[in-house]
C-alpha atoms as a PDB file:
ATOM      1  CA  UNK A   1    -116.312  40.885 -45.766  1.00  0.00           C
ATOM      2  CA  UNK A   2    -115.628  37.262 -46.339  1.00  0.00           C
ATOM      3  CA  UNK A   3    -116.594  36.446 -42.937  1.00  0.00           C
ATOM      4  CA  UNK A   4    -120.033  37.830 -43.600  1.00  0.00           C
ATOM      5  CA  UNK A   5    -120.437  35.847 -46.912  1.00  0.00           C
ATOM      6  CA  UNK A   6    -119.572  32.638 -44.944  1.00  0.00           C
ATOM      7  CA  UNK A   7    -122.259  33.158 -42.357  1.00  0.00           C
ATOM      8  CA  UNK A   8    -124.959  33.833 -45.052  1.00  0.00           C
ATOM      9  CA  UNK A   9    -123.999  30.581 -46.889  1.00  0.00           C
ATOM     10  CA  UNK A  10    -124.044  28.589 -43.708  1.00  0.00           C
ATOM     11  CA  UNK A  11    -127.347  30.046 -42.607  1.00  0.00           C
ATOM     12  CA  UNK A  12    -128.804  29.311 -46.081  1.00  0.00           C
ATOM     13  CA  UNK A  13    -127.908  25.724 -45.423  1.00  0.00           C
ATOM     14  CA  UNK A  14    -129.282  25.342 -41.904  1.00  0.00           C
ATOM     15  CA  UNK A  15    -132.535  27.268 -42.615  1.00  0.00           C
ATOM     16  CA  UNK A  16    -134.298  24.422 -44.490  1.00  0.00           C
ATOM     17  CA  UNK A  17    -132.915  22.056 -41.882  1.00  0.00           C
ATOM     18  CA  UNK A  18    -134.454  24.125 -39.102  1.00  0.00           C
ATOM     19  CA  UNK A  19    -137.781  24.154 -41.090  1.00  0.00           C
ATOM     20  CA  UNK A  20    -137.807  20.253 -41.281  1.00  0.00           C
ATOM     21  CA  UNK A  21    -137.117  19.798 -37.613  1.00  0.00           C
ATOM     22  CA  UNK A  22    -139.855  22.234 -36.657  1.00  0.00           C
ATOM     23  CA  UNK A  23    -142.266  20.351 -38.989  1.00  0.00           C
ATOM     24  CA  UNK A  24    -141.204  17.098 -37.405  1.00  0.00           C
ATOM     25  CA  UNK A  25    -142.024  18.575 -33.995  1.00  0.00           C
ATOM     26  CA  UNK A  26    -145.479  19.573 -35.141  1.00  0.00           C
ATOM     27  CA  UNK A  27    -146.184  16.013 -36.156  1.00  0.00           C
ATOM     28  CA  UNK A  28    -144.587  14.405 -33.152  1.00  0.00           C
ATOM     29  CA  UNK A  29    -146.743  16.343 -30.738  1.00  0.00           C
ATOM     30  CA  UNK A  30    -149.808  14.737 -32.160  1.00  0.00           C
ATOM     31  CA  UNK A  31    -148.643  11.170 -31.157  1.00  0.00           C
ATOM     32  CA  UNK A  32    -146.142  11.499 -28.313  1.00  0.00           C
ATOM     33  CA  UNK A  33    -148.040  12.194 -24.944  1.00  0.00           C
ATOM     34  CA  UNK A  34    -144.883  13.452 -23.179  1.00  0.00           C
ATOM     35  CA  UNK A  35    -143.808  15.879 -25.874  1.00  0.00           C
ATOM     36  CA  UNK A  36    -147.429  17.008 -26.147  1.00  0.00           C
ATOM     37  CA  UNK A  37    -147.668  17.877 -22.485  1.00  0.00           C
ATOM     38  CA  UNK A  38    -144.298  19.708 -22.686  1.00  0.00           C
ATOM     39  CA  UNK A  39    -145.526  21.699 -25.733  1.00  0.00           C
ATOM     40  CA  UNK A  40    -148.845  22.735 -23.979  1.00  0.00           C
ATOM     41  CA  UNK A  41    -146.845  23.741 -20.717  1.00  0.00           C
ATOM     42  CA  UNK A  42    -144.436  25.881 -22.755  1.00  0.00           C
ATOM     43  CA  UNK A  43    -147.365  27.483 -24.912  1.00  0.00           C
ATOM     44  CA  UNK A  44    -148.924  28.642 -21.986  1.00  0.00           C
ATOM     45  CA  UNK A  45    -145.839  30.316 -20.546  1.00  0.00           C
ATOM     46  CA  UNK A  46    -144.078  31.501 -23.793  1.00  0.00           C
ATOM     47  CA  UNK A  47    -146.354  31.258 -26.707  1.00  0.00           C
ATOM     48  CA  UNK A  48    -146.726  28.991 -29.618  1.00  0.00           C
ATOM     49  CA  UNK A  49    -143.651  29.860 -31.607  1.00  0.00           C
ATOM     50  CA  UNK A  50    -141.263  29.410 -28.651  1.00  0.00           C
ATOM     51  CA  UNK A  51    -143.032  26.325 -27.602  1.00  0.00           C
ATOM     52  CA  UNK A  52    -142.628  24.532 -30.823  1.00  0.00           C
ATOM     53  CA  UNK A  53    -139.021  25.582 -30.934  1.00  0.00           C
ATOM     54  CA  UNK A  54    -138.429  24.127 -27.477  1.00  0.00           C
ATOM     55  CA  UNK A  55    -140.271  21.056 -28.253  1.00  0.00           C
ATOM     56  CA  UNK A  56    -138.104  20.545 -31.504  1.00  0.00           C
ATOM     57  CA  UNK A  57    -135.068  20.945 -29.504  1.00  0.00           C
ATOM     58  CA  UNK A  58    -136.278  18.396 -27.038  1.00  0.00           C
ATOM     59  CA  UNK A  59    -137.071  15.974 -29.824  1.00  0.00           C
ATOM     60  CA  UNK A  60    -133.530  16.437 -31.264  1.00  0.00           C
ATOM     61  CA  UNK A  61    -131.943  15.801 -27.868  1.00  0.00           C
ATOM     62  CA  UNK A  62    -134.101  12.591 -27.550  1.00  0.00           C
ATOM     63  CA  UNK A  63    -132.924  11.311 -31.072  1.00  0.00           C
ATOM     64  CA  UNK A  64    -129.294  12.205 -30.313  1.00  0.00           C
ATOM     65  CA  UNK A  65    -129.183  10.475 -26.893  1.00  0.00           C
ATOM     66  CA  UNK A  66    -131.020   7.413 -28.439  1.00  0.00           C
ATOM     67  CA  UNK A  67    -128.541   7.241 -31.155  1.00  0.00           C
ATOM     68  CA  UNK A  68    -125.487   7.592 -28.873  1.00  0.00           C
ATOM     69  CA  UNK A  69    -127.035   4.913 -26.466  1.00  0.00           C
ATOM     70  CA  UNK A  70    -127.348   2.381 -29.394  1.00  0.00           C
ATOM     71  CA  UNK A  71    -123.898   3.034 -30.489  1.00  0.00           C
ATOM     72  CA  UNK A  72    -122.479   2.540 -26.855  1.00  0.00           C
ATOM     73  CA  UNK A  73    -124.493  -0.610 -26.406  1.00  0.00           C
ATOM     74  CA  UNK A  74    -123.432  -2.507 -29.446  1.00  0.00           C
ATOM     75  CA  UNK A  75    -120.669  -0.828 -31.366  1.00  0.00           C
ATOM     76  CA  UNK A  76    -119.767  -3.994 -33.309  1.00  0.00           C
ATOM     77  CA  UNK A  77    -123.341  -4.547 -34.424  1.00  0.00           C
ATOM     78  CA  UNK A  78    -123.497  -0.928 -35.783  1.00  0.00           C
ATOM     79  CA  UNK A  79    -120.181  -1.298 -37.535  1.00  0.00           C
ATOM     80  CA  UNK A  80    -121.271  -4.678 -39.095  1.00  0.00           C
ATOM     81  CA  UNK A  81    -124.507  -3.154 -40.339  1.00  0.00           C
ATOM     82  CA  UNK A  82    -122.430  -0.246 -42.053  1.00  0.00           C
ATOM     83  CA  UNK A  83    -120.251  -2.925 -43.644  1.00  0.00           C
ATOM     84  CA  UNK A  84    -123.205  -4.997 -44.827  1.00  0.00           C
ATOM     85  CA  UNK A  85    -124.928  -1.883 -46.329  1.00  0.00           C
ATOM     86  CA  UNK A  86    -121.855  -1.063 -48.240  1.00  0.00           C
ATOM     87  CA  UNK A  87    -121.325  -4.610 -49.538  1.00  0.00           C
ATOM     88  CA  UNK A  88    -118.010  -4.960 -47.650  1.00  0.00           C
ATOM     89  CA  UNK A  89    -118.859  -7.790 -45.247  1.00  0.00           C
ATOM     90  CA  UNK A  90    -121.365 -10.663 -45.483  1.00  0.00           C
END
């Protein structure tokens, strides 16, 4: 029984996050030509609901790879920015 409660509380945390990611995907397809074309192709094949979910996933992957690429390029700069924002370094 405790496992079921754990899943429910976890899903209650994730549901708003999923909602916001989907809303971001709706906004992005208005401005990004590549994601708009991807959304339209998926919409023809799978329907609007699955298309926006796939577009949101693609958007999250782009964000993740962009962030990891930035960290791999200049790890010292990223660390310095964290220290400066926390008031640890100059």
